[in-house]
Amino acid sequence: MISFTVNGTVRQIDAEADKPLLWVLREDLDILGPKFGCGVAACGACTVHVDGAAVRACAMPVASVAGRSVVTIEGLGQAGLHAVQKAWIEQQVPQCGYCQPGFIMAAAALLKATPRPTDSDIDEALSNICRCGTYSAIRRAVHRAAALLGGGS
């Protein structure tokens, strides 16, 4: 049994230690926000927070989160929309939307570590891939979220 906290709830999972966290979240816990994109941690569609850091869940064995805290897009705004989610809506970022949960999670982690990110900071931290090409809208939304969080940008 592997025990870890997901979106504030302690969960125990009977899974192989090397099963990717993404598949535990989606298949075993029915948490569908993190998406499968590439399976090699390149695209970022599966981005979640582990102890506050943005990680690619498709390449993280579930055993590595034992005793740790995992937050998915479903848990990010549990107490109301997070500033990044608000900014995403204001800036009308999504087109197809498939990659957006991963981008939002990466952006939230960036703003926690860097309250006033530059465009370079955003480009470096958000290495996720968007097939629709919404990168300029994403950058605007991250700056807007920084302002909403009081960091201005």
Protein backbone atom coordinates (compact mmCIF):
# COMPACT_ATOMS: atom_id res chain seq x y z
CA MET A 1 0.00 0.00 0.00
CA ILE A 2 1.20 3.47 -0.87
CA SER A 3 -0.22 6.33 1.18
CA PHE A 4 -0.16 9.97 0.09
CA THR A 5 -2.38 13.04 0.25
CA VAL A 6 -4.29 14.08 -2.87
CA ASN A 7 -6.09 17.42 -2.88
CA GLY A 8 -6.15 17.42 0.90
CA THR A 9 -7.38 13.85 1.38
CA VAL A 10 -5.12 11.00 2.52
CA ARG A 11 -5.40 8.13 0.06
CA GLN A 12 -4.02 4.59 0.19
CA ILE A 13 -3.43 2.85 -3.10
CA ASP A 14 -2.58 -0.77 -3.75
CA ALA A 15 -0.48 -0.30 -6.88
CA GLU A 16 2.87 -1.35 -8.27
CA ALA A 17 5.55 1.02 -6.99
CA ASP A 18 6.64 1.95 -10.51
CA LYS A 19 3.14 2.70 -11.83
CA PRO A 20 3.16 6.31 -13.04
CA LEU A 21 1.39 8.75 -10.74
CA LEU A 22 -0.68 9.94 -13.70
CA TRP A 23 -2.28 6.53 -14.12
CA VAL A 24 -2.90 6.16 -10.38
CA LEU A 25 -4.66 9.53 -10.39
CA ARG A 26 -6.72 8.82 -13.50
CA GLU A 27 -7.42 5.08 -13.23
CA ASP A 28 -7.38 4.37 -9.51
CA LEU A 29 -8.63 7.67 -8.07
CA ASP A 30 -10.80 8.91 -10.98
CA ILE A 31 -9.07 12.31 -11.00
CA LEU A 32 -9.18 13.26 -14.66
CA GLY A 33 -7.75 16.79 -14.74
CA PRO A 34 -4.15 15.72 -15.39
CA LYS A 35 -4.03 14.53 -19.00
CA PHE A 36 -1.93 12.00 -20.88
CA GLY A 37 -0.04 13.68 -23.67
CA CYS A 38 3.30 12.09 -24.38
CA GLY A 39 4.25 9.70 -21.59
CA VAL A 40 7.85 10.96 -21.46
CA ALA A 41 7.45 14.18 -19.40
CA ALA A 42 7.91 16.41 -22.44
CA CYS A 43 4.51 18.00 -23.07
CA GLY A 44 3.33 18.89 -19.55
CA ALA A 45 -0.34 17.93 -19.97
CA CYS A 46 0.03 15.79 -16.84
CA THR A 47 1.53 18.51 -14.60
CA VAL A 48 0.55 18.36 -10.93
CA HIS A 49 2.10 19.74 -7.74
CA VAL A 50 4.03 17.44 -5.42
CA ASP A 51 4.80 19.23 -2.17
CA GLY A 52 4.21 22.50 -4.03
CA ALA A 53 6.53 21.85 -6.97
CA ALA A 54 5.26 21.35 -10.52
CA VAL A 55 6.08 17.82 -11.73
CA ARG A 56 5.16 15.69 -14.72
CA ALA A 57 3.00 12.89 -13.33
CA CYS A 58 3.42 10.62 -16.36
CA ALA A 59 7.08 10.00 -15.50
CA MET A 60 6.82 9.94 -11.70
CA PRO A 61 6.46 6.53 -10.08
CA VAL A 62 3.69 6.52 -7.51
CA ALA A 63 6.08 5.19 -4.86
CA SER A 64 7.96 8.51 -5.03
CA VAL A 65 4.94 10.38 -3.62
CA ALA A 66 4.50 8.14 -0.57
CA GLY A 67 3.90 10.37 2.44
CA ARG A 68 3.80 13.49 0.26
CA SER A 69 1.14 15.93 -0.87
CA VAL A 70 -0.18 15.94 -4.44
CA VAL A 71 -2.42 18.69 -5.79
CA THR A 72 -4.15 18.41 -9.15
CA ILE A 73 -6.13 21.03 -11.05
CA GLU A 74 -9.20 19.79 -9.16
CA GLY A 75 -7.56 20.74 -5.86
CA LEU A 76 -6.00 24.03 -6.93
CA GLY A 77 -9.16 26.07 -6.51
CA GLN A 78 -10.92 24.16 -3.76
CA ALA A 79 -11.57 27.35 -1.80
CA GLY A 80 -12.66 29.26 -4.92
CA LEU A 81 -10.89 29.86 -8.19
CA HIS A 82 -7.13 30.34 -7.89
CA ALA A 83 -5.80 33.62 -9.34
CA VAL A 84 -4.30 31.69 -12.26
CA GLN A 85 -7.68 30.14 -13.05
CA LYS A 86 -9.32 33.58 -12.88
CA ALA A 87 -6.69 35.06 -15.18
CA TRP A 88 -7.08 32.15 -17.63
CA ILE A 89 -10.79 32.93 -17.86
CA GLU A 90 -10.28 36.71 -18.13
CA GLN A 91 -7.67 36.32 -20.87
CA GLN A 92 -9.71 33.63 -22.68
CA VAL A 93 -6.63 31.42 -22.95
CA PRO A 94 -7.96 27.98 -23.92
CA GLN A 95 -8.84 26.93 -27.41
CA CYS A 96 -9.20 23.14 -27.28
CA GLY A 97 -8.27 23.19 -23.58
CA TYR A 98 -6.58 19.78 -23.41
CA CYS A 99 -3.23 21.11 -22.19
CA GLN A 100 -4.61 23.87 -19.99
CA PRO A 101 -4.74 22.04 -16.62
CA GLY A 102 -1.02 21.33 -16.95
CA PHE A 103 -0.26 24.93 -17.92
CA ILE A 104 -2.33 26.28 -15.03
CA MET A 105 -0.54 24.01 -12.54
CA ALA A 106 2.87 25.03 -13.92
CA ALA A 107 1.89 28.71 -13.77
CA ALA A 108 0.65 28.45 -10.18
CA ALA A 109 3.94 26.85 -9.10
CA LEU A 110 5.90 29.54 -10.96
CA LEU A 111 4.00 32.36 -9.26
CA LYS A 112 4.47 30.80 -5.85
CA ALA A 113 8.25 30.77 -6.41
CA THR A 114 8.48 33.96 -8.51
CA PRO A 115 5.69 36.45 -7.74
CA ARG A 116 6.83 38.91 -10.43
CA PRO A 117 7.94 36.74 -13.35
CA THR A 118 9.46 38.18 -16.50
CA ASP A 119 8.54 36.84 -19.92
CA SER A 120 11.77 34.83 -19.79
CA ASP A 121 10.82 33.38 -16.40
CA ILE A 122 7.45 32.35 -17.83
CA ASP A 123 8.95 30.83 -20.97
CA GLU A 124 11.48 28.86 -18.91
CA ALA A 125 9.06 27.60 -16.24
CA LEU A 126 6.19 26.80 -18.59
CA SER A 127 7.89 24.37 -20.94
CA ASN A 128 4.54 22.70 -21.58
CA ILE A 129 3.35 22.25 -25.16
CA CYS A 130 0.13 23.73 -26.57
CA ARG A 131 -0.81 22.43 -30.00
CA CYS A 132 -3.23 25.36 -30.45
CA GLY A 133 -0.39 27.87 -29.95
CA THR A 134 -1.97 29.94 -27.17
CA TYR A 135 1.45 30.94 -25.78
CA SER A 136 0.95 34.71 -25.98
CA ALA A 137 -2.41 34.44 -24.21
CA ILE A 138 -0.81 32.18 -21.59
CA ARG A 139 1.93 34.74 -20.97
CA ARG A 140 -0.67 37.53 -20.60
CA ALA A 141 -2.66 35.37 -18.17
CA VAL A 142 0.40 34.63 -16.03
CA HIS A 143 1.14 38.36 -15.76
CA ARG A 144 -2.52 38.99 -14.90
CA ALA A 145 -2.47 36.27 -12.25
CA ALA A 146 0.68 37.81 -10.77
CA ALA A 147 -1.18 41.11 -10.48
CA LEU A 148 -4.19 39.39 -8.91
CA LEU A 149 -1.88 37.78 -6.36
CA GLY A 150 -0.36 41.16 -5.55
CA GLY A 151 2.96 40.57 -7.31
CA GLY A 152 2.21 42.78 -10.26
CA SER A 153 4.06 42.09 -13.46
